[in-house]
C-alpha atoms as a PDB file:
ATOM      1  CA  UNK A   1     105.885 117.373 107.655  1.00  0.00           C
ATOM      2  CA  UNK A   2     104.252 115.457 110.790  1.00  0.00           C
ATOM      3  CA  UNK A   3     102.537 111.732 110.536  1.00  0.00           C
ATOM      4  CA  UNK A   4      98.426 111.615 110.145  1.00  0.00           C
ATOM      5  CA  UNK A   5      96.823 109.080 112.091  1.00  0.00           C
ATOM      6  CA  UNK A   6      96.373 106.385 109.347  1.00  0.00           C
ATOM      7  CA  UNK A   7      99.500 107.160 107.815  1.00  0.00           C
ATOM      8  CA  UNK A   8     100.845 103.455 108.108  1.00  0.00           C
ATOM      9  CA  UNK A   9      98.801 102.997 105.053  1.00  0.00           C
ATOM     10  CA  UNK A  10     100.955 105.355 103.139  1.00  0.00           C
ATOM     11  CA  UNK A  11     104.452 104.146 101.930  1.00  0.00           C
ATOM     12  CA  UNK A  12     107.020 106.602 103.241  1.00  0.00           C
ATOM     13  CA  UNK A  13     108.114 109.575 101.270  1.00  0.00           C
ATOM     14  CA  UNK A  14     104.012 110.060 100.503  1.00  0.00           C
ATOM     15  CA  UNK A  15     103.303 110.883 104.277  1.00  0.00           C
ATOM     16  CA  UNK A  16     101.533 114.077 104.367  1.00  0.00           C
ATOM     17  CA  UNK A  17      99.367 116.522 106.578  1.00  0.00           C
ATOM     18  CA  UNK A  18      96.160 117.532 104.694  1.00  0.00           C
ATOM     19  CA  UNK A  19      96.223 121.615 104.749  1.00  0.00           C
ATOM     20  CA  UNK A  20      93.667 123.357 107.120  1.00  0.00           C
ATOM     21  CA  UNK A  21      92.519 119.957 108.095  1.00  0.00           C
ATOM     22  CA  UNK A  22      90.624 121.578 111.688  1.00  0.00           C
ATOM     23  CA  UNK A  23      88.900 124.269 109.405  1.00  0.00           C
ATOM     24  CA  UNK A  24      87.763 122.255 106.634  1.00  0.00           C
ATOM     25  CA  UNK A  25      86.231 119.355 109.232  1.00  0.00           C
ATOM     26  CA  UNK A  26      84.900 122.146 111.053  1.00  0.00           C
ATOM     27  CA  UNK A  27      82.661 123.594 108.030  1.00  0.00           C
ATOM     28  CA  UNK A  28      81.190 120.388 106.554  1.00  0.00           C
ATOM     29  CA  UNK A  29      80.738 118.828 109.878  1.00  0.00           C
ATOM     30  CA  UNK A  30      76.926 120.440 109.451  1.00  0.00           C
ATOM     31  CA  UNK A  31      76.695 119.091 106.373  1.00  0.00           C
ATOM     32  CA  UNK A  32      78.279 115.766 106.941  1.00  0.00           C
ATOM     33  CA  UNK A  33      76.404 115.346 109.945  1.00  0.00           C
ATOM     34  CA  UNK A  34      72.610 114.348 108.439  1.00  0.00           C
ATOM     35  CA  UNK A  35      71.750 110.805 107.907  1.00  0.00           C
ATOM     36  CA  UNK A  36      73.079 109.174 104.460  1.00  0.00           C
ATOM     37  CA  UNK A  37      75.220 112.240 103.785  1.00  0.00           C
ATOM     38  CA  UNK A  38      77.942 111.897 100.953  1.00  0.00           C
ATOM     39  CA  UNK A  39      81.017 113.692 100.572  1.00  0.00           C
ATOM     40  CA  UNK A  40      82.897 113.707  97.259  1.00  0.00           C
ATOM     41  CA  UNK A  41      86.100 114.786  97.701  1.00  0.00           C
ATOM     42  CA  UNK A  42      87.039 115.689  94.218  1.00  0.00           C
ATOM     43  CA  UNK A  43      90.633 115.771  95.006  1.00  0.00           C
ATOM     44  CA  UNK A  44      91.825 112.384  96.868  1.00  0.00           C
ATOM     45  CA  UNK A  45      94.785 112.812  96.907  1.00  0.00           C
ATOM     46  CA  UNK A  46      96.363 110.635  99.413  1.00  0.00           C
ATOM     47  CA  UNK A  47      93.379 110.534 101.505  1.00  0.00           C
ATOM     48  CA  UNK A  48      94.704 112.365 104.466  1.00  0.00           C
ATOM     49  CA  UNK A  49      91.444 114.343 104.413  1.00  0.00           C
ATOM     50  CA  UNK A  50      88.971 111.646 103.914  1.00  0.00           C
ATOM     51  CA  UNK A  51      90.108 109.520 106.202  1.00  0.00           C
ATOM     52  CA  UNK A  52      89.651 111.856 109.238  1.00  0.00           C
ATOM     53  CA  UNK A  53      86.313 112.919 108.045  1.00  0.00           C
ATOM     54  CA  UNK A  54      85.056 109.045 107.561  1.00  0.00           C
ATOM     55  CA  UNK A  55      86.424 108.386 110.844  1.00  0.00           C
ATOM     56  CA  UNK A  56      84.261 111.591 112.198  1.00  0.00           C
ATOM     57  CA  UNK A  57      81.349 110.714 110.539  1.00  0.00           C
ATOM     58  CA  UNK A  58      80.109 106.927 110.812  1.00  0.00           C
ATOM     59  CA  UNK A  59      77.727 107.712 108.915  1.00  0.00           C
ATOM     60  CA  UNK A  60      79.586 109.308 105.595  1.00  0.00           C
ATOM     61  CA  UNK A  61      79.737 107.799 102.191  1.00  0.00           C
ATOM     62  CA  UNK A  62      82.632 109.083 100.408  1.00  0.00           C
ATOM     63  CA  UNK A  63      83.375 109.865  96.519  1.00  0.00           C
ATOM     64  CA  UNK A  64      86.871 109.787  95.824  1.00  0.00           C
ATOM     65  CA  UNK A  65      87.973 111.233  92.572  1.00  0.00           C
ATOM     66  CA  UNK A  66      91.516 111.805  91.553  1.00  0.00           C
ATOM     67  CA  UNK A  67      93.246 111.120  88.105  1.00  0.00           C
ATOM     68  CA  UNK A  68      96.795 109.872  89.391  1.00  0.00           C
ATOM     69  CA  UNK A  69      96.099 105.970  89.440  1.00  0.00           C
ATOM     70  CA  UNK A  70      98.738 106.029  91.950  1.00  0.00           C
ATOM     71  CA  UNK A  71      97.448 108.385  94.850  1.00  0.00           C
ATOM     72  CA  UNK A  72      93.735 106.216  93.734  1.00  0.00           C
ATOM     73  CA  UNK A  73      95.644 102.830  94.818  1.00  0.00           C
ATOM     74  CA  UNK A  74      97.136 104.323  97.968  1.00  0.00           C
ATOM     75  CA  UNK A  75      93.758 105.823  99.248  1.00  0.00           C
ATOM     76  CA  UNK A  76      92.282 102.830  98.341  1.00  0.00           C
ATOM     77  CA  UNK A  77      94.799 101.430 101.529  1.00  0.00           C
ATOM     78  CA  UNK A  78      94.172 104.411 103.283  1.00  0.00           C
ATOM     79  CA  UNK A  79      90.800 104.159 103.458  1.00  0.00           C
ATOM     80  CA  UNK A  80      90.344 100.129 103.713  1.00  0.00           C
ATOM     81  CA  UNK A  81      88.809 100.167 107.519  1.00  0.00           C
ATOM     82  CA  UNK A  82      85.646 102.439 105.581  1.00  0.00           C
ATOM     83  CA  UNK A  83      85.679 100.486 102.742  1.00  0.00           C
ATOM     84  CA  UNK A  84      81.739  99.383 102.604  1.00  0.00           C
ATOM     85  CA  UNK A  85      81.424 103.391 102.619  1.00  0.00           C
ATOM     86  CA  UNK A  86      83.439 104.397  99.955  1.00  0.00           C
ATOM     87  CA  UNK A  87      83.576 104.743  95.757  1.00  0.00           C
ATOM     88  CA  UNK A  88      86.415 105.473  94.431  1.00  0.00           C
ATOM     89  CA  UNK A  89      87.270 106.879  90.827  1.00  0.00           C
ATOM     90  CA  UNK A  90      89.576 107.333  88.042  1.00  0.00           C
ATOM     91  CA  UNK A  91      88.573 110.884  86.464  1.00  0.00           C
ATOM     92  CA  UNK A  92      89.901 114.308  86.745  1.00  0.00           C
ATOM     93  CA  UNK A  93      87.578 116.460  89.223  1.00  0.00           C
ATOM     94  CA  UNK A  94      84.999 117.575  85.905  1.00  0.00           C
ATOM     95  CA  UNK A  95      84.140 114.343  85.379  1.00  0.00           C
ATOM     96  CA  UNK A  96      82.115 114.822  89.078  1.00  0.00           C
ATOM     97  CA  UNK A  97      78.342 114.808  87.105  1.00  0.00           C
ATOM     98  CA  UNK A  98      79.201 111.458  85.470  1.00  0.00           C
ATOM     99  CA  UNK A  99      80.948 109.923  88.717  1.00  0.00           C
ATOM    100  CA  UNK A 100      77.802 110.700  90.527  1.00  0.00           C
ATOM    101  CA  UNK A 101      75.432 109.213  87.883  1.00  0.00           C
ATOM    102  CA  UNK A 102      77.295 106.619  87.428  1.00  0.00           C
ATOM    103  CA  UNK A 103      77.172 105.766  90.781  1.00  0.00           C
ATOM    104  CA  UNK A 104      73.312 106.604  90.830  1.00  0.00           C
ATOM    105  CA  UNK A 105      74.206 109.379  93.527  1.00  0.00           C
ATOM    106  CA  UNK A 106      71.367 112.739  92.584  1.00  0.00           C
ATOM    107  CA  UNK A 107      72.506 114.987  95.281  1.00  0.00           C
ATOM    108  CA  UNK A 108      75.394 115.263  97.911  1.00  0.00           C
ATOM    109  CA  UNK A 109      76.441 116.591 101.056  1.00  0.00           C
ATOM    110  CA  UNK A 110      79.412 117.812 100.633  1.00  0.00           C
ATOM    111  CA  UNK A 111      82.609 118.175  98.088  1.00  0.00           C
ATOM    112  CA  UNK A 112      85.703 119.384  99.357  1.00  0.00           C
ATOM    113  CA  UNK A 113      88.306 119.972  96.527  1.00  0.00           C
ATOM    114  CA  UNK A 114      91.712 120.105  97.454  1.00  0.00           C
ATOM    115  CA  UNK A 115      93.217 122.355  94.423  1.00  0.00           C
ATOM    116  CA  UNK A 116      96.756 121.996  92.954  1.00  0.00           C
ATOM    117  CA  UNK A 117      99.710 119.402  93.007  1.00  0.00           C
ATOM    118  CA  UNK A 118      99.760 116.552  95.471  1.00  0.00           C
ATOM    119  CA  UNK A 119     101.935 115.811  97.843  1.00  0.00           C
ATOM    120  CA  UNK A 120     102.549 112.672  96.348  1.00  0.00           C
ATOM    121  CA  UNK A 121     103.479 114.512  92.797  1.00  0.00           C
ATOM    122  CA  UNK A 122     105.380 116.507  94.510  1.00  0.00           C
ATOM    123  CA  UNK A 123     107.407 114.432  96.269  1.00  0.00           C
ATOM    124  CA  UNK A 124     107.583 111.874  93.213  1.00  0.00           C
ATOM    125  CA  UNK A 125     111.193 112.743  91.833  1.00  0.00           C
ATOM    126  CA  UNK A 126     110.336 111.152  88.892  1.00  0.00           C
ATOM    127  CA  UNK A 127     107.070 112.690  87.595  1.00  0.00           C
ATOM    128  CA  UNK A 128     109.256 115.743  87.583  1.00  0.00           C
ATOM    129  CA  UNK A 129     107.073 118.861  88.964  1.00  0.00           C
ATOM    130  CA  UNK A 130     109.462 119.536  91.719  1.00  0.00           C
ATOM    131  CA  UNK A 131     112.283 122.113  90.432  1.00  0.00           C
ATOM    132  CA  UNK A 132     114.455 120.909  92.896  1.00  0.00           C
ATOM    133  CA  UNK A 133     115.253 117.783  92.066  1.00  0.00           C
ATOM    134  CA  UNK A 134     116.251 116.511  88.439  1.00  0.00           C
ATOM    135  CA  UNK A 135     113.416 114.151  86.339  1.00  0.00           C
ATOM    136  CA  UNK A 136     111.862 113.868  83.499  1.00  0.00           C
ATOM    137  CA  UNK A 137     109.892 116.880  82.532  1.00  0.00           C
ATOM    138  CA  UNK A 138     106.633 115.027  82.482  1.00  0.00           C
ATOM    139  CA  UNK A 139     104.156 116.327  85.070  1.00  0.00           C
ATOM    140  CA  UNK A 140     101.004 114.952  84.067  1.00  0.00           C
ATOM    141  CA  UNK A 141      99.342 113.802  87.127  1.00  0.00           C
ATOM    142  CA  UNK A 142      97.328 111.081  85.346  1.00  0.00           C
ATOM    143  CA  UNK A 143     100.815 109.672  83.887  1.00  0.00           C
ATOM    144  CA  UNK A 144      98.648 107.353  81.865  1.00  0.00           C
ATOM    145  CA  UNK A 145      98.075 109.738  78.916  1.00  0.00           C
ATOM    146  CA  UNK A 146      98.305 113.141  77.400  1.00  0.00           C
ATOM    147  CA  UNK A 147     101.812 115.904  76.449  1.00  0.00           C
ATOM    148  CA  UNK A 148     104.582 116.132  79.315  1.00  0.00           C
ATOM    149  CA  UNK A 149     105.940 119.150  80.167  1.00  0.00           C
ATOM    150  CA  UNK A 150     108.635 118.416  77.554  1.00  0.00           C
ATOM    151  CA  UNK A 151     106.157 118.230  74.896  1.00  0.00           C
ATOM    152  CA  UNK A 152     104.586 121.646  75.481  1.00  0.00           C
ATOM    153  CA  UNK A 153     108.195 123.266  75.594  1.00  0.00           C
ATOM    154  CA  UNK A 154     109.697 121.272  72.368  1.00  0.00           C
ATOM    155  CA  UNK A 155     106.861 121.668  70.650  1.00  0.00           C
ATOM    156  CA  UNK A 156     105.091 125.000  70.816  1.00  0.00           C
ATOM    157  CA  UNK A 157     105.583 128.122  69.072  1.00  0.00           C
ATOM    158  CA  UNK A 158     107.389 130.703  70.462  1.00  0.00           C
ATOM    159  CA  UNK A 159     104.314 133.368  70.770  1.00  0.00           C
ATOM    160  CA  UNK A 160     102.368 130.136  72.005  1.00  0.00           C
ATOM    161  CA  UNK A 161     104.634 129.869  74.721  1.00  0.00           C
ATOM    162  CA  UNK A 162     105.354 133.173  76.222  1.00  0.00           C
ATOM    163  CA  UNK A 163     101.363 133.294  76.083  1.00  0.00           C
ATOM    164  CA  UNK A 164     101.008 130.212  78.658  1.00  0.00           C
ATOM    165  CA  UNK A 165     103.963 131.510  80.431  1.00  0.00           C
ATOM    166  CA  UNK A 166     102.426 134.785  81.010  1.00  0.00           C
ATOM    167  CA  UNK A 167      98.894 133.968  81.726  1.00  0.00           C
ATOM    168  CA  UNK A 168      99.359 130.744  84.057  1.00  0.00           C
ATOM    169  CA  UNK A 169     102.733 131.687  85.729  1.00  0.00           C
ATOM    170  CA  UNK A 170     101.969 135.575  85.556  1.00  0.00           C
ATOM    171  CA  UNK A 171     105.553 135.592  84.484  1.00  0.00           C
ATOM    172  CA  UNK A 172     107.149 138.929  83.944  1.00  0.00           C
ATOM    173  CA  UNK A 173     109.747 137.398  81.518  1.00  0.00           C
ATOM    174  CA  UNK A 174     107.406 135.057  79.687  1.00  0.00           C
ATOM    175  CA  UNK A 175     108.904 136.308  76.481  1.00  0.00           C
ATOM    176  CA  UNK A 176     112.406 136.363  77.161  1.00  0.00           C
ATOM    177  CA  UNK A 177     111.821 132.380  78.351  1.00  0.00           C
ATOM    178  CA  UNK A 178     110.438 131.601  75.413  1.00  0.00           C
ATOM    179  CA  UNK A 179     113.032 132.834  73.109  1.00  0.00           C
ATOM    180  CA  UNK A 180     115.195 131.152  75.120  1.00  0.00           C
ATOM    181  CA  UNK A 181     113.895 127.493  75.230  1.00  0.00           C
ATOM    182  CA  UNK A 182     113.074 128.115  71.395  1.00  0.00           C
ATOM    183  CA  UNK A 183     117.129 128.890  70.840  1.00  0.00           C
ATOM    184  CA  UNK A 184     117.665 125.635  73.150  1.00  0.00           C
ATOM    185  CA  UNK A 185     115.503 123.235  71.432  1.00  0.00           C
ATOM    186  CA  UNK A 186     117.273 124.004  67.873  1.00  0.00           C
ATOM    187  CA  UNK A 187     120.705 122.008  69.703  1.00  0.00           C
ATOM    188  CA  UNK A 188     118.477 119.744  71.223  1.00  0.00           C
ATOM    189  CA  UNK A 189     115.228 118.875  72.673  1.00  0.00           C
ATOM    190  CA  UNK A 190     114.727 119.801  76.488  1.00  0.00           C
ATOM    191  CA  UNK A 191     113.933 116.550  78.713  1.00  0.00           C
ATOM    192  CA  UNK A 192     115.303 116.952  82.235  1.00  0.00           C
ATOM    193  CA  UNK A 193     113.945 119.642  85.092  1.00  0.00           C
ATOM    194  CA  UNK A 194     117.367 120.756  85.631  1.00  0.00           C
ATOM    195  CA  UNK A 195     118.316 121.609  82.066  1.00  0.00           C
ATOM    196  CA  UNK A 196     114.863 124.198  82.424  1.00  0.00           C
ATOM    197  CA  UNK A 197     116.487 124.902  85.871  1.00  0.00           C
ATOM    198  CA  UNK A 198     119.490 126.013  84.444  1.00  0.00           C
ATOM    199  CA  UNK A 199     117.985 127.659  81.375  1.00  0.00           C
ATOM    200  CA  UNK A 200     115.698 129.968  83.955  1.00  0.00           C
ATOM    201  CA  UNK A 201     119.009 130.872  86.268  1.00  0.00           C
ATOM    202  CA  UNK A 202     120.417 132.060  83.079  1.00  0.00           C
ATOM    203  CA  UNK A 203     117.260 134.031  81.496  1.00  0.00           C
ATOM    204  CA  UNK A 204     115.621 135.576  84.297  1.00  0.00           C
ATOM    205  CA  UNK A 205     117.834 138.784  85.149  1.00  0.00           C
ATOM    206  CA  UNK A 206     119.797 138.523  88.425  1.00  0.00           C
ATOM    207  CA  UNK A 207     118.114 142.010  90.218  1.00  0.00           C
ATOM    208  CA  UNK A 208     114.718 139.410  89.955  1.00  0.00           C
ATOM    209  CA  UNK A 209     115.949 136.062  90.911  1.00  0.00           C
ATOM    210  CA  UNK A 210     117.134 138.000  94.289  1.00  0.00           C
ATOM    211  CA  UNK A 211     113.848 139.471  95.386  1.00  0.00           C
ATOM    212  CA  UNK A 212     111.167 137.312  93.378  1.00  0.00           C
ATOM    213  CA  UNK A 213     111.670 133.925  94.559  1.00  0.00           C
ATOM    214  CA  UNK A 214     113.205 130.829  92.858  1.00  0.00           C
ATOM    215  CA  UNK A 215     113.219 131.388  89.551  1.00  0.00           C
ATOM    216  CA  UNK A 216     111.561 128.556  88.582  1.00  0.00           C
ATOM    217  CA  UNK A 217     108.750 128.794  90.610  1.00  0.00           C
ATOM    218  CA  UNK A 218     106.038 130.869  87.626  1.00  0.00           C
ATOM    219  CA  UNK A 219     107.543 128.922  85.499  1.00  0.00           C
ATOM    220  CA  UNK A 220     106.868 125.118  86.358  1.00  0.00           C
ATOM    221  CA  UNK A 221     103.742 126.452  88.148  1.00  0.00           C
ATOM    222  CA  UNK A 222     102.221 127.544  84.197  1.00  0.00           C
ATOM    223  CA  UNK A 223     103.874 124.091  82.826  1.00  0.00           C
ATOM    224  CA  UNK A 224     102.081 121.869  85.511  1.00  0.00           C
ATOM    225  CA  UNK A 225      98.346 123.803  84.941  1.00  0.00           C
ATOM    226  CA  UNK A 226      98.751 123.282  81.026  1.00  0.00           C
ATOM    227  CA  UNK A 227     100.184 119.710  80.624  1.00  0.00           C
ATOM    228  CA  UNK A 228      96.983 119.107  83.417  1.00  0.00           C
ATOM    229  CA  UNK A 229      94.351 121.435  82.015  1.00  0.00           C
ATOM    230  CA  UNK A 230      94.291 122.911  85.636  1.00  0.00           C
ATOM    231  CA  UNK A 231      91.881 125.638  85.028  1.00  0.00           C
ATOM    232  CA  UNK A 232      89.928 124.536  81.849  1.00  0.00           C
ATOM    233  CA  UNK A 233      88.616 121.729  84.388  1.00  0.00           C
ATOM    234  CA  UNK A 234      88.265 122.908  87.419  1.00  0.00           C
ATOM    235  CA  UNK A 235      86.121 126.174  85.408  1.00  0.00           C
ATOM    236  CA  UNK A 236      83.881 123.002  84.584  1.00  0.00           C
ATOM    237  CA  UNK A 237      83.788 121.389  87.643  1.00  0.00           C
ATOM    238  CA  UNK A 238      82.820 123.901  89.952  1.00  0.00           C
ATOM    239  CA  UNK A 239      79.273 124.525  88.628  1.00  0.00           C
ATOM    240  CA  UNK A 240      78.571 120.597  88.424  1.00  0.00           C
ATOM    241  CA  UNK A 241      79.343 120.354  92.478  1.00  0.00           C
ATOM    242  CA  UNK A 242      77.293 123.269  93.725  1.00  0.00           C
ATOM    243  CA  UNK A 243      74.329 121.924  91.582  1.00  0.00           C
ATOM    244  CA  UNK A 244      74.952 118.324  93.255  1.00  0.00           C
ATOM    245  CA  UNK A 245      74.771 119.584  95.847  1.00  0.00           C
ATOM    246  CA  UNK A 246      71.704 119.291  98.510  1.00  0.00           C
ATOM    247  CA  UNK A 247      70.348 122.100  99.851  1.00  0.00           C
ATOM    248  CA  UNK A 248      71.913 122.346 103.509  1.00  0.00           C
ATOM    249  CA  UNK A 249      74.746 121.041 101.364  1.00  0.00           C
ATOM    250  CA  UNK A 250      78.358 122.358 101.807  1.00  0.00           C
ATOM    251  CA  UNK A 251      81.467 123.379  99.637  1.00  0.00           C
ATOM    252  CA  UNK A 252      84.999 124.081 100.808  1.00  0.00           C
ATOM    253  CA  UNK A 253      87.692 124.889  98.090  1.00  0.00           C
ATOM    254  CA  UNK A 254      91.568 124.668  99.164  1.00  0.00           C
ATOM    255  CA  UNK A 255      93.388 127.026  96.543  1.00  0.00           C
ATOM    256  CA  UNK A 256      97.216 127.200  96.602  1.00  0.00           C
ATOM    257  CA  UNK A 257      97.295 130.015  93.388  1.00  0.00           C
ATOM    258  CA  UNK A 258      95.542 133.292  91.979  1.00  0.00           C
ATOM    259  CA  UNK A 259      94.558 132.071  89.241  1.00  0.00           C
ATOM    260  CA  UNK A 260      92.550 129.287  90.803  1.00  0.00           C
ATOM    261  CA  UNK A 261      90.963 131.136  93.965  1.00  0.00           C
ATOM    262  CA  UNK A 262      89.866 133.856  91.444  1.00  0.00           C
ATOM    263  CA  UNK A 263      87.612 131.098  89.559  1.00  0.00           C
ATOM    264  CA  UNK A 264      85.976 129.636  92.646  1.00  0.00           C
ATOM    265  CA  UNK A 265      85.428 133.334  93.786  1.00  0.00           C
ATOM    266  CA  UNK A 266      83.670 134.146  90.977  1.00  0.00           C
ATOM    267  CA  UNK A 267      81.700 130.800  90.999  1.00  0.00           C
ATOM    268  CA  UNK A 268      81.069 131.157  94.700  1.00  0.00           C
ATOM    269  CA  UNK A 269      79.943 135.411  94.606  1.00  0.00           C
ATOM    270  CA  UNK A 270      77.096 134.652  91.462  1.00  0.00           C
ATOM    271  CA  UNK A 271      75.895 131.839  92.888  1.00  0.00           C
ATOM    272  CA  UNK A 272      74.993 133.960  96.242  1.00  0.00           C
ATOM    273  CA  UNK A 273      73.802 136.740  94.490  1.00  0.00           C
ATOM    274  CA  UNK A 274      70.177 137.514  93.680  1.00  0.00           C
ATOM    275  CA  UNK A 275      69.869 137.578  89.745  1.00  0.00           C
ATOM    276  CA  UNK A 276      66.207 140.200  90.661  1.00  0.00           C
ATOM    277  CA  UNK A 277      66.632 143.488  88.499  1.00  0.00           C
ATOM    278  CA  UNK A 278      68.273 145.793  90.318  1.00  0.00           C
ATOM    279  CA  UNK A 279      65.260 148.112  91.633  1.00  0.00           C
ATOM    280  CA  UNK A 280      62.491 146.152  92.319  1.00  0.00           C
ATOM    281  CA  UNK A 281      61.156 146.439  95.625  1.00  0.00           C
ATOM    282  CA  UNK A 282      60.500 142.321  96.259  1.00  0.00           C
ATOM    283  CA  UNK A 283      62.593 139.093  95.297  1.00  0.00           C
ATOM    284  CA  UNK A 284      61.365 137.514  91.976  1.00  0.00           C
ATOM    285  CA  UNK A 285      60.418 133.655  92.372  1.00  0.00           C
ATOM    286  CA  UNK A 286      63.654 131.582  91.720  1.00  0.00           C
ATOM    287  CA  UNK A 287      66.141 134.800  91.193  1.00  0.00           C
ATOM    288  CA  UNK A 288      67.077 134.437  95.029  1.00  0.00           C
ATOM    289  CA  UNK A 289      70.726 133.951  96.195  1.00  0.00           C
ATOM    290  CA  UNK A 290      71.124 129.710  95.668  1.00  0.00           C
ATOM    291  CA  UNK A 291      74.399 129.879  98.312  1.00  0.00           C
ATOM    292  CA  UNK A 292      75.164 131.775 100.942  1.00  0.00           C
ATOM    293  CA  UNK A 293      79.319 132.529 101.544  1.00  0.00           C
ATOM    294  CA  UNK A 294      80.653 131.049 105.413  1.00  0.00           C
ATOM    295  CA  UNK A 295      83.815 132.493 104.833  1.00  0.00           C
ATOM    296  CA  UNK A 296      84.620 136.297 104.701  1.00  0.00           C
ATOM    297  CA  UNK A 297      87.123 136.966 101.368  1.00  0.00           C
ATOM    298  CA  UNK A 298      89.185 134.031 101.169  1.00  0.00           C
ATOM    299  CA  UNK A 299      90.569 132.374 104.785  1.00  0.00           C
ATOM    300  CA  UNK A 300      94.416 131.760 104.859  1.00  0.00           C
ATOM    301  CA  UNK A 301      96.563 128.879 107.112  1.00  0.00           C
ATOM    302  CA  UNK A 302      98.081 131.097 110.411  1.00  0.00           C
ATOM    303  CA  UNK A 303     101.989 130.260 111.713  1.00  0.00           C
ATOM    304  CA  UNK A 304     101.150 128.073 113.959  1.00  0.00           C
ATOM    305  CA  UNK A 305      99.544 125.627 111.022  1.00  0.00           C
ATOM    306  CA  UNK A 306     102.456 127.092 108.527  1.00  0.00           C
ATOM    307  CA  UNK A 307     104.994 126.067 111.219  1.00  0.00           C
ATOM    308  CA  UNK A 308     103.841 122.494 111.292  1.00  0.00           C
ATOM    309  CA  UNK A 309     102.730 122.107 107.390  1.00  0.00           C
ATOM    310  CA  UNK A 310     104.822 124.585 104.908  1.00  0.00           C
ATOM    311  CA  UNK A 311     102.695 123.823 102.072  1.00  0.00           C
ATOM    312  CA  UNK A 312      99.854 125.842 103.798  1.00  0.00           C
ATOM    313  CA  UNK A 313     101.800 128.707 103.048  1.00  0.00           C
ATOM    314  CA  UNK A 314      99.945 129.840 100.292  1.00  0.00           C
ATOM    315  CA  UNK A 315      96.607 128.362 100.600  1.00  0.00           C
ATOM    316  CA  UNK A 316      93.591 130.277 100.323  1.00  0.00           C
ATOM    317  CA  UNK A 317      90.260 128.371 101.927  1.00  0.00           C
ATOM    318  CA  UNK A 318      86.870 129.380 100.594  1.00  0.00           C
ATOM    319  CA  UNK A 319      83.105 127.617 101.450  1.00  0.00           C
ATOM    320  CA  UNK A 320      79.232 127.829 100.751  1.00  0.00           C
ATOM    321  CA  UNK A 321      76.319 126.329 101.780  1.00  0.00           C
ATOM    322  CA  UNK A 322      73.327 125.826  99.400  1.00  0.00           C
ATOM    323  CA  UNK A 323      70.423 127.219 100.620  1.00  0.00           C
ATOM    324  CA  UNK A 324      67.821 127.571  97.897  1.00  0.00           C
ATOM    325  CA  UNK A 325      67.427 124.859  94.745  1.00  0.00           C
ATOM    326  CA  UNK A 326      68.905 125.864  92.061  1.00  0.00           C
ATOM    327  CA  UNK A 327      67.552 129.057  89.878  1.00  0.00           C
ATOM    328  CA  UNK A 328      65.350 128.584  86.524  1.00  0.00           C
ATOM    329  CA  UNK A 329      68.007 129.705  83.773  1.00  0.00           C
END
């Protein structure tokens, strides 16, 4: 990992390279250059994207959201030079509407979502996000509230556990893994990530392990999504974010797995489509597209960025600009 220019305020072990920073800055620049521009960084994390954008746009006001109080404190220190232009809010990103209302901000000019688990969370051994380090099976992005991954593993009925592994982890061996978890927890509750990794090595067939990547990857993803309600939060947050954008405002979303990207793709496509009935010769008033898409499909990181920042490898970037006021329901 490289060092960001503002990393002096970031503790060792929490330094990171913001994914797709030049492209994010390029896409947001036209919207953030207007007088009085407001950017919502809905997944503030360590504040890498935010620090760069505040430095490039001296008139910009930032509203930074994050559910992780440790991340907010690190970002607060990192962004101290811009403190008079920064509002930090402890909330999940589906609280974007309430956060803006609480600040008295009716419309914004940019929104950024950098989804998935943050560098801080991956690198903090005690949080249990990584299958490469032994830790308590926690996986809460906000460690002050909610059930842990251990709670899910030790209390969910086998059919429910298999379903979440299949849907959220896209795990082919979901039923086999759920049955193995059930047998194991009858003897003793699963508490540590190393215990789960050992179980997964035994449950996933050897042939699949040789070709399908680490056998724990999909299960850990599924548990993290479940523990943090990530997909439900995203389904609620995207419409709220799009509704908050002023005409000319832009949104950029960085997704890291297909489930997230599918939700983003659908929402942006719906807002960029006309609702005039097919066959009518003219566009009905109030039925035209609200947004235009700024990239074709989903952009991926190039080889140079992946070499410099391996965590960029799975990224899928989508972006859109509001071109008309919100359609009437």
